[in-house]
Structures are given as C-alpha cells and as structure tokens.
Amino acid sequence: MRVNRARRYPSVTAAAALATALALAAAGRPLAAQQTSAYEELQAFSTVLNHIRLNYADSVSYHELVHAAIDGMLRSLDPHSYFLSRADWERRSAFERGETSRCRRPPRCPCGGA
C-alpha cells in the first residue's frame, strides 16, 4: 500500500539510507553486541534526524523524516513492501470497498449519487 510521492527532500533519502545501513549492520552482530550497540545506532539515527530537521534548506517535520526513513528501510529490503499511515490505509480501504466511487455531482445526478 505505497503512496507515490515526489522526492522533494534528498536529505531525507540520505537519512533513510543511513537508518537502513544502521539496521543492516546490526543484523550481522551477536545478540549481546546488538543490544549494546542498538542504543548507539539509534542515537546516531536520532542525531542525523535532528541535524537534517534543523539544517535542511526547507522546513521538515519529524513526521516527514520518520515516515521517509521507514519508507526507505522497507524499500531497500523489499521493493514490494511499503508503509501507509492509518489515514492513508483507511482511504485506500474505503476506495477498495467502493465507498468513494459515488458520483460527486449535485443531487439531481441521474445515478442518484450525492
């Protein structure tokens, strides 16, 4: 359920790539090393996230950055996986159920749609 968006924030893509690299680097380590370094890696991710939010040319919210990072992680692991927010998922589900297929003309429309 991927929503196509234009790549307006190249630094956001860099943050997503960094998050993916950090996650994949942790995957190859023993469990004890993963637990101690997971916090360090999350700290590195948080540092990059905050740096981009504060220093990027345009205003970027944490919401945009986190969702772009999640999207980048999923895309790097599997090109068929994607992330949708709850609102996007609900819109898509309604569309798939046919709830949004009504005619959007005035009530006099011959099909009876509102």
Protein backbone atom coordinates (compact mmCIF):
# COMPACT_ATOMS: atom_id res chain seq x y z
CA MET A 1 0.00 0.00 0.00
CA ARG A 2 2.57 2.58 -1.09
CA VAL A 3 1.66 6.16 -1.79
CA ASN A 4 3.75 7.63 -4.60
CA ARG A 5 5.34 10.94 -3.67
CA ALA A 6 7.84 13.14 -5.42
CA ARG A 7 11.28 13.15 -3.89
CA ARG A 8 11.29 16.70 -2.59
CA TYR A 9 13.80 16.14 0.17
CA PRO A 10 17.06 14.50 -0.97
CA SER A 11 18.48 14.70 2.56
CA VAL A 12 15.50 12.72 3.82
CA THR A 13 16.55 9.96 1.43
CA ALA A 14 20.04 10.12 2.92
CA ALA A 15 18.56 9.77 6.41
CA ALA A 16 16.54 6.75 5.29
CA ALA A 17 19.65 5.21 3.75
CA LEU A 18 21.57 5.79 6.96
CA ALA A 19 18.80 4.18 9.01
CA THR A 20 18.81 1.17 6.71
CA ALA A 21 22.58 0.85 6.89
CA LEU A 22 22.46 1.02 10.68
CA ALA A 23 19.75 -1.63 10.86
CA LEU A 24 21.54 -3.96 8.46
CA ALA A 25 24.86 -3.51 10.25
CA ALA A 26 23.24 -4.58 13.50
CA ALA A 27 21.79 -7.71 11.89
CA GLY A 28 25.18 -9.39 11.45
CA ARG A 29 26.39 -8.97 15.06
CA PRO A 30 25.97 -11.36 18.00
CA LEU A 31 22.94 -10.74 20.24
CA ALA A 32 24.91 -9.19 23.13
CA ALA A 33 26.71 -6.82 20.77
CA GLN A 34 23.40 -5.96 19.11
CA GLN A 35 21.81 -4.98 22.41
CA THR A 36 24.64 -2.71 23.45
CA SER A 37 25.11 -1.15 20.04
CA ALA A 38 21.40 -0.80 19.21
CA TYR A 39 21.21 2.21 21.50
CA GLU A 40 24.32 3.69 19.91
CA GLU A 41 22.86 3.19 16.45
CA LEU A 42 19.55 4.71 17.46
CA GLN A 43 21.48 7.63 18.91
CA ALA A 44 23.29 8.06 15.59
CA PHE A 45 19.96 7.93 13.73
CA SER A 46 18.46 10.47 16.12
CA THR A 47 21.47 12.76 15.65
CA VAL A 48 21.17 12.63 11.85
CA LEU A 49 17.41 13.09 12.01
CA ASN A 50 17.74 16.19 14.18
CA HIS A 51 20.60 17.59 12.07
CA ILE A 52 18.52 17.30 8.90
CA ARG A 53 15.45 18.78 10.56
CA LEU A 54 17.39 21.80 11.81
CA ASN A 55 19.72 22.42 8.86
CA TYR A 56 17.79 21.41 5.76
CA ALA A 57 17.02 24.29 3.39
CA ASP A 58 13.24 23.84 3.73
CA SER A 59 11.23 23.24 6.87
CA VAL A 60 10.93 19.49 7.50
CA SER A 61 8.93 17.96 10.34
CA TYR A 62 9.85 14.92 12.38
CA HIS A 63 6.74 13.26 10.96
CA GLU A 64 8.01 13.65 7.39
CA LEU A 65 11.50 12.50 8.30
CA VAL A 66 10.41 9.42 10.23
CA HIS A 67 7.93 8.32 7.57
CA ALA A 68 10.56 8.80 4.85
CA ALA A 69 13.04 6.75 6.89
CA ILE A 70 10.51 3.93 7.35
CA ASP A 71 9.65 4.04 3.66
CA GLY A 72 13.35 3.94 2.74
CA MET A 73 14.04 0.99 5.03
CA LEU A 74 11.18 -1.02 3.59
CA ARG A 75 12.06 -0.14 0.01
CA SER A 76 15.70 -1.16 0.49
CA LEU A 77 14.70 -4.51 1.99
CA ASP A 78 11.93 -5.38 -0.47
CA PRO A 79 10.74 -3.29 -3.43
CA HIS A 80 7.19 -4.63 -2.97
CA SER A 81 6.84 -3.50 0.66
CA TYR A 82 5.58 -0.07 1.59
CA PHE A 83 4.26 1.90 4.52
CA LEU A 84 0.96 3.75 4.83
CA SER A 85 -0.22 5.97 7.62
CA ARG A 86 -3.51 5.00 9.25
CA ALA A 87 -5.34 7.76 7.35
CA ASP A 88 -3.88 6.62 4.01
CA TRP A 89 -4.75 3.00 4.79
CA GLU A 90 -8.33 3.94 5.70
CA ARG A 91 -8.72 5.95 2.45
CA ARG A 92 -7.35 3.06 0.42
CA SER A 93 -9.56 0.52 2.18
CA ALA A 94 -12.63 2.69 1.58
CA PHE A 95 -11.70 3.02 -2.08
CA GLU A 96 -11.23 -0.76 -2.43
CA ARG A 97 -14.65 -1.34 -0.82
CA GLY A 98 -16.16 1.06 -3.35
CA GLU A 99 -17.17 3.65 -0.79
CA THR A 100 -15.58 6.51 -2.71
CA SER A 101 -16.90 5.58 -6.14
CA ARG A 102 -20.09 7.68 -5.86
CA CYS A 103 -20.77 10.39 -8.36
CA ARG A 104 -19.76 13.79 -6.96
CA ARG A 105 -22.38 15.81 -8.81
CA PRO A 106 -25.34 17.70 -7.32
CA PRO A 107 -28.30 15.59 -6.05
CA ARG A 108 -30.03 15.79 -9.46
CA CYS A 109 -27.45 13.42 -10.92
CA PRO A 110 -29.25 10.58 -12.83
CA CYS A 111 -27.21 7.95 -10.97
CA GLY A 112 -28.61 9.18 -7.62
CA GLY A 113 -25.17 9.95 -6.17
CA ALA A 114 -24.77 12.84 -3.82
